Amino acid sequence: MNEKILPDDIESKSLSELTDIADRLIQELESKKNLEESIDDYQYLIKLNNLIEKKFQKDSKNISESTKQKIEELTSKKNEKKISQNC
């Protein structure tokens, strides 16, 4: 495996950095002729894909929660204005 494509600190990478690494690895794999020599790279790509998927799900959940919280804040402010106008 190529060390400059497969960093040791892979867990701390952002989602976009992981995607870039996967893209480069795919390009490298596509250029190889002997698939038997690429088994380790393919296995790493599967692990990388799983990590990307987990980070994506986590980021998606965080965005959803943040959006829900902002909507609740806006809704409560709107309701407060309605109540104050009615009084």
C-alpha atoms as a PDB file:
ATOM      1  CA  MET A   1       0.000   0.000   0.000  1.00  0.00           C
ATOM      2  CA  ASN A   2       1.109   3.527  -0.704  1.00  0.00           C
ATOM      3  CA  GLU A   3       1.787   5.369   2.569  1.00  0.00           C
ATOM      4  CA  LYS A   4       1.186   8.853   1.197  1.00  0.00           C
ATOM      5  CA  ILE A   5      -2.342   7.798   0.199  1.00  0.00           C
ATOM      6  CA  LEU A   6      -3.060   5.877   3.400  1.00  0.00           C
ATOM      7  CA  PRO A   7      -2.232   8.087   6.402  1.00  0.00           C
ATOM      8  CA  ASP A   8      -1.979   6.718   9.930  1.00  0.00           C
ATOM      9  CA  ASP A   9      -4.297   9.389  11.352  1.00  0.00           C
ATOM     10  CA  ILE A  10      -7.225   8.331   9.173  1.00  0.00           C
ATOM     11  CA  GLU A  11      -9.747   8.425  12.054  1.00  0.00           C
ATOM     12  CA  SER A  12      -9.190  12.139  12.611  1.00  0.00           C
ATOM     13  CA  LYS A  13      -9.728  13.121   8.978  1.00  0.00           C
ATOM     14  CA  SER A  14     -12.785  15.095   7.881  1.00  0.00           C
ATOM     15  CA  LEU A  15     -15.413  13.625   5.606  1.00  0.00           C
ATOM     16  CA  SER A  16     -14.115  15.552   2.595  1.00  0.00           C
ATOM     17  CA  GLU A  17     -10.522  14.495   3.302  1.00  0.00           C
ATOM     18  CA  LEU A  18     -11.600  10.848   3.535  1.00  0.00           C
ATOM     19  CA  THR A  19     -13.488  11.165   0.263  1.00  0.00           C
ATOM     20  CA  ASP A  20     -10.401  12.623  -1.411  1.00  0.00           C
ATOM     21  CA  ILE A  21      -8.288   9.731  -0.113  1.00  0.00           C
ATOM     22  CA  ALA A  22     -10.830   7.212  -1.411  1.00  0.00           C
ATOM     23  CA  ASP A  23     -10.899   8.910  -4.827  1.00  0.00           C
ATOM     24  CA  ARG A  24      -7.109   8.802  -5.110  1.00  0.00           C
ATOM     25  CA  LEU A  25      -7.040   5.158  -4.042  1.00  0.00           C
ATOM     26  CA  ILE A  26      -9.685   4.264  -6.620  1.00  0.00           C
ATOM     27  CA  GLN A  27      -7.690   6.026  -9.343  1.00  0.00           C
ATOM     28  CA  GLU A  28      -4.577   4.121  -8.309  1.00  0.00           C
ATOM     29  CA  LEU A  29      -6.446   0.802  -8.268  1.00  0.00           C
ATOM     30  CA  GLU A  30      -7.962   1.448 -11.685  1.00  0.00           C
ATOM     31  CA  SER A  31      -4.508   1.914 -13.167  1.00  0.00           C
ATOM     32  CA  LYS A  32      -3.164  -1.408 -11.867  1.00  0.00           C
ATOM     33  CA  LYS A  33      -3.196  -4.444 -14.118  1.00  0.00           C
ATOM     34  CA  ASN A  34      -2.655  -7.207 -11.560  1.00  0.00           C
ATOM     35  CA  LEU A  35      -5.662  -7.399  -9.239  1.00  0.00           C
ATOM     36  CA  GLU A  36      -4.050  -9.977  -6.957  1.00  0.00           C
ATOM     37  CA  GLU A  37      -1.456  -7.415  -5.927  1.00  0.00           C
ATOM     38  CA  SER A  38      -4.247  -4.997  -5.042  1.00  0.00           C
ATOM     39  CA  ILE A  39      -6.159  -7.109  -2.510  1.00  0.00           C
ATOM     40  CA  ASP A  40      -4.858  -5.145   0.484  1.00  0.00           C
ATOM     41  CA  ASP A  41      -5.766  -1.875  -1.202  1.00  0.00           C
ATOM     42  CA  TYR A  42      -9.294  -3.090  -1.940  1.00  0.00           C
ATOM     43  CA  GLN A  43      -9.720  -4.221   1.660  1.00  0.00           C
ATOM     44  CA  TYR A  44      -8.493  -0.849   2.870  1.00  0.00           C
ATOM     45  CA  LEU A  45     -10.908   0.873   0.497  1.00  0.00           C
ATOM     46  CA  ILE A  46     -13.792  -1.108   2.028  1.00  0.00           C
ATOM     47  CA  LYS A  47     -12.708  -0.052   5.538  1.00  0.00           C
ATOM     48  CA  LEU A  48     -12.357   3.519   4.348  1.00  0.00           C
ATOM     49  CA  ASN A  49     -15.815   3.402   2.812  1.00  0.00           C
ATOM     50  CA  ASN A  50     -17.274   2.158   6.107  1.00  0.00           C
ATOM     51  CA  LEU A  51     -15.551   4.973   7.979  1.00  0.00           C
ATOM     52  CA  ILE A  52     -16.864   7.529   5.475  1.00  0.00           C
ATOM     53  CA  GLU A  53     -20.376   6.138   5.858  1.00  0.00           C
ATOM     54  CA  LYS A  54     -20.223   6.341   9.675  1.00  0.00           C
ATOM     55  CA  LYS A  55     -18.897   9.904   9.607  1.00  0.00           C
ATOM     56  CA  PHE A  56     -21.550  10.895   7.064  1.00  0.00           C
ATOM     57  CA  GLN A  57     -24.313   9.448   9.252  1.00  0.00           C
ATOM     58  CA  LYS A  58     -22.918  11.243  12.303  1.00  0.00           C
ATOM     59  CA  ASP A  59     -22.643  14.563  10.447  1.00  0.00           C
ATOM     60  CA  SER A  60     -26.120  14.121   9.006  1.00  0.00           C
ATOM     61  CA  LYS A  61     -27.552  13.441  12.465  1.00  0.00           C
ATOM     62  CA  ASN A  62     -25.807  16.532  13.884  1.00  0.00           C
ATOM     63  CA  ILE A  63     -27.178  18.699  11.074  1.00  0.00           C
ATOM     64  CA  SER A  64     -30.693  17.336  11.602  1.00  0.00           C
ATOM     65  CA  GLU A  65     -30.553  17.961  15.341  1.00  0.00           C
ATOM     66  CA  SER A  66     -29.192  21.463  14.858  1.00  0.00           C
ATOM     67  CA  THR A  67     -31.866  22.277  12.285  1.00  0.00           C
ATOM     68  CA  LYS A  68     -34.602  20.912  14.529  1.00  0.00           C
ATOM     69  CA  GLN A  69     -33.335  23.023  17.433  1.00  0.00           C
ATOM     70  CA  LYS A  70     -33.259  26.177  15.289  1.00  0.00           C
ATOM     71  CA  ILE A  71     -36.795  25.521  14.055  1.00  0.00           C
ATOM     72  CA  GLU A  72     -37.998  25.071  17.630  1.00  0.00           C
ATOM     73  CA  GLU A  73     -36.326  28.344  18.656  1.00  0.00           C
ATOM     74  CA  LEU A  74     -37.910  30.220  15.766  1.00  0.00           C
ATOM     75  CA  THR A  75     -41.297  28.683  16.470  1.00  0.00           C
ATOM     76  CA  SER A  76     -41.136  29.591  20.152  1.00  0.00           C
ATOM     77  CA  LYS A  77     -40.128  33.196  19.307  1.00  0.00           C
ATOM     78  CA  LYS A  78     -43.015  33.436  16.855  1.00  0.00           C
ATOM     79  CA  ASN A  79     -45.420  32.123  19.477  1.00  0.00           C
ATOM     80  CA  GLU A  80     -44.085  34.608  22.045  1.00  0.00           C
ATOM     81  CA  LYS A  81     -44.732  37.472  19.619  1.00  0.00           C
ATOM     82  CA  LYS A  82     -48.295  36.268  19.026  1.00  0.00           C
ATOM     83  CA  ILE A  83     -48.966  36.066  22.748  1.00  0.00           C
ATOM     84  CA  SER A  84     -47.515  39.520  23.418  1.00  0.00           C
ATOM     85  CA  GLN A  85     -49.588  41.028  20.566  1.00  0.00           C
ATOM     86  CA  ASN A  86     -52.792  39.509  21.921  1.00  0.00           C
ATOM     87  CA  CYS A  87     -52.290  40.964  25.366  1.00  0.00           C
END
